[in-house]
PDB file of N, CA and C in Angstrom:
ATOM      1  N   MET A   1     148.448 121.991 102.956  1.00  0.00           N
ATOM      2  CA  MET A   1     147.173 122.494 102.414  1.00  0.00           C
ATOM      3  C   MET A   1     147.195 122.287 101.053  1.00  0.00           C
ATOM      4  N   ILE A   2     146.004 121.395 100.678  1.00  0.00           N
ATOM      5  CA  ILE A   2     145.952 120.877  99.471  1.00  0.00           C
ATOM      6  C   ILE A   2     144.727 121.841  98.263  1.00  0.00           C
ATOM      7  N   ASP A   3     145.059 122.133  97.514  1.00  0.00           N
ATOM      8  CA  ASP A   3     143.584 122.466  96.376  1.00  0.00           C
ATOM      9  C   ASP A   3     142.828 121.285  95.865  1.00  0.00           C
ATOM     10  N   VAL A   4     141.628 121.907  96.553  1.00  0.00           N
ATOM     11  CA  VAL A   4     140.389 120.144  96.049  1.00  0.00           C
ATOM     12  C   VAL A   4     139.600 120.892  94.898  1.00  0.00           C
ATOM     13  N   LEU A   5     139.299 120.476  93.780  1.00  0.00           N
ATOM     14  CA  LEU A   5     138.383 121.345  92.725  1.00  0.00           C
ATOM     15  C   LEU A   5     137.673 120.103  92.535  1.00  0.00           C
ATOM     16  N   TYR A   6     136.243 120.598  92.081  1.00  0.00           N
ATOM     17  CA  TYR A   6     134.925 120.247  92.044  1.00  0.00           C
ATOM     18  C   TYR A   6     134.308 120.490  90.115  1.00  0.00           C
ATOM     19  N   PHE A   7     133.973 119.704  89.695  1.00  0.00           N
ATOM     20  CA  PHE A   7     133.582 119.622  88.268  1.00  0.00           C
ATOM     21  C   PHE A   7     132.397 118.771  88.525  1.00  0.00           C
ATOM     22  N   ALA A   8     131.975 119.396  87.111  1.00  0.00           N
ATOM     23  CA  ALA A   8     130.045 119.235  87.137  1.00  0.00           C
ATOM     24  C   ALA A   8     129.433 118.874  87.879  1.00  0.00           C
ATOM     25  N   TRP A   9     128.401 117.654  88.088  1.00  0.00           N
ATOM     26  CA  TRP A   9     127.941 117.795  89.318  1.00  0.00           C
ATOM     27  C   TRP A   9     128.338 117.612  90.660  1.00  0.00           C
ATOM     28  N   VAL A  10     129.330 117.377  90.279  1.00  0.00           N
ATOM     29  CA  VAL A  10     130.361 117.367  91.883  1.00  0.00           C
ATOM     30  C   VAL A  10     130.581 118.641  92.019  1.00  0.00           C
ATOM     31  N   ARG A  11     131.206 119.622  91.645  1.00  0.00           N
ATOM     32  CA  ARG A  11     130.564 121.031  91.761  1.00  0.00           C
ATOM     33  C   ARG A  11     129.157 121.512  92.153  1.00  0.00           C
ATOM     34  N   GLU A  12     127.955 121.062  91.275  1.00  0.00           N
ATOM     35  CA  GLU A  12     127.048 121.602  91.843  1.00  0.00           C
ATOM     36  C   GLU A  12     126.776 121.018  93.255  1.00  0.00           C
ATOM     37  N   ARG A  13     126.874 119.698  93.734  1.00  0.00           N
ATOM     38  CA  ARG A  13     126.007 119.373  94.836  1.00  0.00           C
ATOM     39  C   ARG A  13     126.758 120.211  95.741  1.00  0.00           C
ATOM     40  N   ILE A  14     128.773 120.338  95.834  1.00  0.00           N
ATOM     41  CA  ILE A  14     128.582 120.807  96.781  1.00  0.00           C
ATOM     42  C   ILE A  14     128.662 122.558  97.257  1.00  0.00           C
ATOM     43  N   GLY A  15     128.235 123.396  95.614  1.00  0.00           N
ATOM     44  CA  GLY A  15     128.172 124.592  95.375  1.00  0.00           C
ATOM     45  C   GLY A  15     129.614 125.471  95.749  1.00  0.00           C
ATOM     46  N   LEU A  16     130.591 124.526  94.873  1.00  0.00           N
ATOM     47  CA  LEU A  16     131.552 125.386  95.279  1.00  0.00           C
ATOM     48  C   LEU A  16     132.541 124.704  93.716  1.00  0.00           C
ATOM     49  N   PRO A  17     133.188 125.195  92.974  1.00  0.00           N
ATOM     50  CA  PRO A  17     134.444 125.173  91.943  1.00  0.00           C
ATOM     51  C   PRO A  17     135.904 124.031  92.702  1.00  0.00           C
ATOM     52  N   ARG A  18     136.104 125.050  93.476  1.00  0.00           N
ATOM     53  CA  ARG A  18     137.239 124.731  94.536  1.00  0.00           C
ATOM     54  C   ARG A  18     137.666 124.884  95.868  1.00  0.00           C
ATOM     55  N   GLU A  19     138.365 124.139  96.542  1.00  0.00           N
ATOM     56  CA  GLU A  19     138.450 125.069  98.255  1.00  0.00           C
ATOM     57  C   GLU A  19     140.246 124.765  97.878  1.00  0.00           C
ATOM     58  N   ARG A  20     140.606 125.372  99.255  1.00  0.00           N
ATOM     59  CA  ARG A  20     141.525 125.036 100.359  1.00  0.00           C
ATOM     60  C   ARG A  20     141.575 124.244 101.089  1.00  0.00           C
ATOM     61  N   VAL A  21     142.050 123.172 101.316  1.00  0.00           N
ATOM     62  CA  VAL A  21     141.464 122.095 102.323  1.00  0.00           C
ATOM     63  C   VAL A  21     142.989 122.458 103.234  1.00  0.00           C
ATOM     64  N   ASP A  22     142.682 122.215 105.087  1.00  0.00           N
ATOM     65  CA  ASP A  22     143.596 121.991 105.620  1.00  0.00           C
ATOM     66  C   ASP A  22     143.571 120.685 106.134  1.00  0.00           C
ATOM     67  N   THR A  23     144.157 119.654 105.553  1.00  0.00           N
ATOM     68  CA  THR A  23     144.138 118.155 105.735  1.00  0.00           C
ATOM     69  C   THR A  23     145.106 117.192 106.444  1.00  0.00           C
ATOM     70  N   SER A  24     144.860 116.303 106.820  1.00  0.00           N
ATOM     71  CA  SER A  24     146.105 115.382 107.917  1.00  0.00           C
ATOM     72  C   SER A  24     146.014 114.075 106.532  1.00  0.00           C
ATOM     73  N   ALA A  25     144.891 114.006 105.914  1.00  0.00           N
ATOM     74  CA  ALA A  25     144.591 112.648 105.033  1.00  0.00           C
ATOM     75  C   ALA A  25     145.799 112.334 104.142  1.00  0.00           C
ATOM     76  N   ALA A  26     145.862 110.761 104.387  1.00  0.00           N
ATOM     77  CA  ALA A  26     147.350 110.280 104.346  1.00  0.00           C
ATOM     78  C   ALA A  26     146.776 109.788 102.610  1.00  0.00           C
ATOM     79  N   THR A  27     145.536 109.268 102.524  1.00  0.00           N
ATOM     80  CA  THR A  27     145.177 109.285 100.733  1.00  0.00           C
ATOM     81  C   THR A  27     144.170 109.557 100.605  1.00  0.00           C
ATOM     82  N   VAL A  28     143.422 109.656  99.010  1.00  0.00           N
ATOM     83  CA  VAL A  28     142.341 110.558  98.525  1.00  0.00           C
ATOM     84  C   VAL A  28     141.419 109.619  98.971  1.00  0.00           C
ATOM     85  N   ALA A  29     141.049 108.679  99.940  1.00  0.00           N
ATOM     86  CA  ALA A  29     140.327 107.928 100.879  1.00  0.00           C
ATOM     87  C   ALA A  29     139.832 109.015 102.016  1.00  0.00           C
ATOM     88  N   ASP A  30     141.034 108.831 102.426  1.00  0.00           N
ATOM     89  CA  ASP A  30     140.497 109.546 104.063  1.00  0.00           C
ATOM     90  C   ASP A  30     139.937 110.919 103.488  1.00  0.00           C
ATOM     91  N   LEU A  31     140.637 111.598 102.576  1.00  0.00           N
ATOM     92  CA  LEU A  31     140.508 113.571 101.897  1.00  0.00           C
ATOM     93  C   LEU A  31     138.820 112.875 102.119  1.00  0.00           C
ATOM     94  N   VAL A  32     138.383 112.309 100.938  1.00  0.00           N
ATOM     95  CA  VAL A  32     137.267 111.948 100.800  1.00  0.00           C
ATOM     96  C   VAL A  32     136.816 111.863 102.312  1.00  0.00           C
ATOM     97  N   ALA A  33     136.756 110.716 102.989  1.00  0.00           N
ATOM     98  CA  ALA A  33     135.956 110.289 104.404  1.00  0.00           C
ATOM     99  C   ALA A  33     135.804 111.957 105.205  1.00  0.00           C
ATOM    100  N   GLU A  34     137.047 112.710 105.251  1.00  0.00           N
ATOM    101  CA  GLU A  34     136.980 113.999 105.969  1.00  0.00           C
ATOM    102  C   GLU A  34     136.068 114.618 104.885  1.00  0.00           C
ATOM    103  N   LEU A  35     135.876 115.207 103.917  1.00  0.00           N
ATOM    104  CA  LEU A  35     134.831 116.154 103.230  1.00  0.00           C
ATOM    105  C   LEU A  35     133.876 115.459 103.559  1.00  0.00           C
ATOM    106  N   ARG A  36     133.317 114.320 103.309  1.00  0.00           N
ATOM    107  CA  ARG A  36     131.869 113.951 103.699  1.00  0.00           C
ATOM    108  C   ARG A  36     131.953 114.356 105.282  1.00  0.00           C
ATOM    109  N   SER A  37     132.323 114.179 106.290  1.00  0.00           N
ATOM    110  CA  SER A  37     131.540 114.543 107.295  1.00  0.00           C
ATOM    111  C   SER A  37     131.475 116.332 107.806  1.00  0.00           C
ATOM    112  N   ARG A  38     132.009 116.646 106.698  1.00  0.00           N
ATOM    113  CA  ARG A  38     131.441 118.686 107.120  1.00  0.00           C
ATOM    114  C   ARG A  38     129.845 118.574 106.793  1.00  0.00           C
ATOM    115  N   GLU A  39     129.820 117.799 106.264  1.00  0.00           N
ATOM    116  CA  GLU A  39     128.157 118.295 106.046  1.00  0.00           C
ATOM    117  C   GLU A  39     127.371 117.954 105.048  1.00  0.00           C
ATOM    118  N   ASP A  40     125.853 117.790 105.398  1.00  0.00           N
ATOM    119  CA  ASP A  40     125.468 117.192 103.900  1.00  0.00           C
ATOM    120  C   ASP A  40     125.637 116.706 102.645  1.00  0.00           C
ATOM    121  N   ARG A  41     125.644 118.231 102.196  1.00  0.00           N
ATOM    122  CA  ARG A  41     126.314 118.540 100.665  1.00  0.00           C
ATOM    123  C   ARG A  41     127.412 117.570 100.480  1.00  0.00           C
ATOM    124  N   TYR A  42     128.530 117.456 101.437  1.00  0.00           N
ATOM    125  CA  TYR A  42     129.778 116.869 100.737  1.00  0.00           C
ATOM    126  C   TYR A  42     129.390 115.426 100.474  1.00  0.00           C
ATOM    127  N   ALA A  43     128.343 115.142 101.692  1.00  0.00           N
ATOM    128  CA  ALA A  43     128.087 113.258 101.783  1.00  0.00           C
ATOM    129  C   ALA A  43     127.436 113.460 100.569  1.00  0.00           C
ATOM    130  N   ALA A  44     126.800 113.962 100.125  1.00  0.00           N
ATOM    131  CA  ALA A  44     126.053 113.651  98.367  1.00  0.00           C
ATOM    132  C   ALA A  44     126.702 113.236  97.695  1.00  0.00           C
ATOM    133  N   ALA A  45     127.687 114.582  97.811  1.00  0.00           N
ATOM    134  CA  ALA A  45     128.475 114.284  96.256  1.00  0.00           C
ATOM    135  C   ALA A  45     129.565 113.318  96.016  1.00  0.00           C
ATOM    136  N   PHE A  46     130.001 112.903  97.426  1.00  0.00           N
ATOM    137  CA  PHE A  46     131.402 111.404  97.616  1.00  0.00           C
ATOM    138  C   PHE A  46     129.668 110.571  98.004  1.00  0.00           C
ATOM    139  N   ALA A  47     128.517 110.290  97.524  1.00  0.00           N
ATOM    140  CA  ALA A  47     127.725 109.385  97.661  1.00  0.00           C
ATOM    141  C   ALA A  47     128.726 107.729  97.604  1.00  0.00           C
ATOM    142  N   ASP A  48     128.846 107.978  96.477  1.00  0.00           N
ATOM    143  CA  ASP A  48     129.164 107.089  95.350  1.00  0.00           C
ATOM    144  C   ASP A  48     130.125 106.810  94.899  1.00  0.00           C
ATOM    145  N   LEU A  49     131.080 106.315  95.119  1.00  0.00           N
ATOM    146  CA  LEU A  49     132.879 106.696  94.691  1.00  0.00           C
ATOM    147  C   LEU A  49     132.740 106.011  93.563  1.00  0.00           C
ATOM    148  N   ARG A  50     132.212 104.936  93.398  1.00  0.00           N
ATOM    149  CA  ARG A  50     132.118 104.425  91.350  1.00  0.00           C
ATOM    150  C   ARG A  50     131.401 105.217  90.387  1.00  0.00           C
ATOM    151  N   SER A  51     131.116 106.157  90.818  1.00  0.00           N
ATOM    152  CA  SER A  51     131.091 107.055  89.999  1.00  0.00           C
ATOM    153  C   SER A  51     131.342 108.631  89.919  1.00  0.00           C
ATOM    154  N   LEU A  52     132.525 108.682  90.549  1.00  0.00           N
ATOM    155  CA  LEU A  52     133.648 109.437  90.832  1.00  0.00           C
ATOM    156  C   LEU A  52     135.068 108.833  89.818  1.00  0.00           C
ATOM    157  N   ARG A  53     135.865 110.280  89.504  1.00  0.00           N
ATOM    158  CA  ARG A  53     136.841 109.858  89.158  1.00  0.00           C
ATOM    159  C   ARG A  53     138.017 110.839  89.991  1.00  0.00           C
ATOM    160  N   VAL A  54     139.136 110.645  90.107  1.00  0.00           N
ATOM    161  CA  VAL A  54     140.109 111.525  90.739  1.00  0.00           C
ATOM    162  C   VAL A  54     141.726 111.708  90.168  1.00  0.00           C
ATOM    163  N   ALA A  55     142.087 112.954  90.123  1.00  0.00           N
ATOM    164  CA  ALA A  55     143.717 113.713  89.352  1.00  0.00           C
ATOM    165  C   ALA A  55     144.051 113.605  90.529  1.00  0.00           C
ATOM    166  N   LEU A  56     145.291 113.839  90.449  1.00  0.00           N
ATOM    167  CA  LEU A  56     146.108 114.506  91.514  1.00  0.00           C
ATOM    168  C   LEU A  56     147.250 114.967  90.491  1.00  0.00           C
ATOM    169  N   ASP A  57     147.584 116.363  90.864  1.00  0.00           N
ATOM    170  CA  ASP A  57     148.430 117.223  89.994  1.00  0.00           C
ATOM    171  C   ASP A  57     147.829 116.694  88.942  1.00  0.00           C
ATOM    172  N   GLN A  58     146.942 116.415  88.040  1.00  0.00           N
ATOM    173  CA  GLN A  58     146.292 116.380  86.981  1.00  0.00           C
ATOM    174  C   GLN A  58     146.519 115.321  86.636  1.00  0.00           C
ATOM    175  N   GLN A  59     146.899 114.224  87.292  1.00  0.00           N
ATOM    176  CA  GLN A  59     147.234 112.549  86.864  1.00  0.00           C
ATOM    177  C   GLN A  59     146.146 111.889  87.532  1.00  0.00           C
ATOM    178  N   LEU A  60     145.559 111.213  86.463  1.00  0.00           N
ATOM    179  CA  LEU A  60     144.628 110.234  87.394  1.00  0.00           C
ATOM    180  C   LEU A  60     145.252 109.133  87.933  1.00  0.00           C
ATOM    181  N   ALA A  61     144.340 108.518  89.155  1.00  0.00           N
ATOM    182  CA  ALA A  61     144.297 108.418  90.363  1.00  0.00           C
ATOM    183  C   ALA A  61     143.673 106.914  90.875  1.00  0.00           C
ATOM    184  N   ASP A  62     144.028 106.315  91.767  1.00  0.00           N
ATOM    185  CA  ASP A  62     143.093 106.170  92.599  1.00  0.00           C
ATOM    186  C   ASP A  62     142.637 106.410  93.793  1.00  0.00           C
ATOM    187  N   PHE A  63     141.661 106.536  94.156  1.00  0.00           N
ATOM    188  CA  PHE A  63     141.054 106.802  95.566  1.00  0.00           C
ATOM    189  C   PHE A  63     142.248 105.969  96.651  1.00  0.00           C
ATOM    190  N   SER A  64     142.647 105.028  96.822  1.00  0.00           N
ATOM    191  CA  SER A  64     143.933 104.513  97.429  1.00  0.00           C
ATOM    192  C   SER A  64     145.247 105.455  97.616  1.00  0.00           C
ATOM    193  N   ALA A  65     145.288 106.494  96.624  1.00  0.00           N
ATOM    194  CA  ALA A  65     146.423 106.810  96.475  1.00  0.00           C
ATOM    195  C   ALA A  65     146.919 107.475  97.266  1.00  0.00           C
ATOM    196  N   PRO A  66     147.890 107.873  97.706  1.00  0.00           N
ATOM    197  CA  PRO A  66     149.141 108.628  99.077  1.00  0.00           C
ATOM    198  C   PRO A  66     148.259 110.134  98.707  1.00  0.00           C
ATOM    199  N   LEU A  67     148.672 111.117  99.092  1.00  0.00           N
ATOM    200  CA  LEU A  67     148.124 112.161  99.260  1.00  0.00           C
ATOM    201  C   LEU A  67     149.586 113.079  99.356  1.00  0.00           C
ATOM    202  N   ALA A  68     151.001 112.282  99.367  1.00  0.00           N
ATOM    203  CA  ALA A  68     152.417 113.538 100.018  1.00  0.00           C
ATOM    204  C   ALA A  68     152.609 113.740  99.069  1.00  0.00           C
ATOM    205  N   GLY A  69     152.931 114.790  99.388  1.00  0.00           N
ATOM    206  CA  GLY A  69     153.123 116.196  97.983  1.00  0.00           C
ATOM    207  C   GLY A  69     152.446 116.273  96.903  1.00  0.00           C
ATOM    208  N   VAL A  70     151.521 116.136  97.412  1.00  0.00           N
ATOM    209  CA  VAL A  70     150.324 116.603  96.025  1.00  0.00           C
ATOM    210  C   VAL A  70     149.873 117.987  96.404  1.00  0.00           C
ATOM    211  N   ARG A  71     149.357 118.395  95.480  1.00  0.00           N
ATOM    212  CA  ARG A  71     149.221 120.087  95.958  1.00  0.00           C
ATOM    213  C   ARG A  71     147.521 119.990  95.359  1.00  0.00           C
ATOM    214  N   GLU A  72     147.260 119.219  94.458  1.00  0.00           N
ATOM    215  CA  GLU A  72     145.951 119.472  93.944  1.00  0.00           C
ATOM    216  C   GLU A  72     145.045 118.265  93.521  1.00  0.00           C
ATOM    217  N   VAL A  73     144.062 118.477  94.167  1.00  0.00           N
ATOM    218  CA  VAL A  73     143.250 117.079  94.073  1.00  0.00           C
ATOM    219  C   VAL A  73     141.969 117.408  92.942  1.00  0.00           C
ATOM    220  N   ALA A  74     141.310 116.783  91.829  1.00  0.00           N
ATOM    221  CA  ALA A  74     140.186 116.875  91.021  1.00  0.00           C
ATOM    222  C   ALA A  74     139.532 116.197  91.308  1.00  0.00           C
ATOM    223  N   PHE A  75     138.347 116.378  91.733  1.00  0.00           N
ATOM    224  CA  PHE A  75     137.265 114.723  91.512  1.00  0.00           C
ATOM    225  C   PHE A  75     135.783 115.222  90.447  1.00  0.00           C
ATOM    226  N   PHE A  76     135.745 114.303  89.762  1.00  0.00           N
ATOM    227  CA  PHE A  76     134.643 114.608  88.636  1.00  0.00           C
ATOM    228  C   PHE A  76     134.642 113.310  87.901  1.00  0.00           C
ATOM    229  N   PRO A  77     133.299 113.691  87.413  1.00  0.00           N
ATOM    230  CA  PRO A  77     132.639 111.976  86.689  1.00  0.00           C
ATOM    231  C   PRO A  77     133.270 111.742  85.552  1.00  0.00           C
ATOM    232  N   PRO A  78     132.812 110.770  85.465  1.00  0.00           N
ATOM    233  CA  PRO A  78     133.691 109.568  84.194  1.00  0.00           C
ATOM    234  C   PRO A  78     133.571 110.592  82.988  1.00  0.00           C
ATOM    235  N   MET A  79     134.077 110.648  82.328  1.00  0.00           N
ATOM    236  CA  MET A  79     133.553 111.429  80.927  1.00  0.00           C
ATOM    237  C   MET A  79     133.519 110.029  79.961  1.00  0.00           C
ATOM    238  N   THR A  80     132.835 110.556  79.115  1.00  0.00           N
ATOM    239  CA  THR A  80     132.145 109.837  78.052  1.00  0.00           C
ATOM    240  C   THR A  80     132.465 110.505  76.804  1.00  0.00           C
ATOM    241  N   GLY A  81     132.447 109.299  75.685  1.00  0.00           N
ATOM    242  CA  GLY A  81     133.007 109.614  74.369  1.00  0.00           C
ATOM    243  C   GLY A  81     131.497 109.960  73.684  1.00  0.00           C
ATOM    244  N   GLY A  82     132.043 110.817  72.488  1.00  0.00           N
ATOM    245  CA  GLY A  82     130.566 110.429  71.749  1.00  0.00           C
ATOM    246  C   GLY A  82     130.987 112.278  70.361  1.00  0.00           C
TER     247      GLY A  82
END
């Protein structure tokens, strides 16, 4: 089981701030593919991965990063300065 957290418009599209996911995904990209296939709201949230960032156990990562040993995955839009 992995805790998956959603922030900003990702949370708004999915309708949840977090959930526990039972997954056999090897990488973040595999997890995204599983989530996309669940239903339309997930497909909408993950439609354009270029507009998303991911953190694994609170460390920025790539979508190709392995999930082995990871307890928490967070998806969020890029941060902007100002």
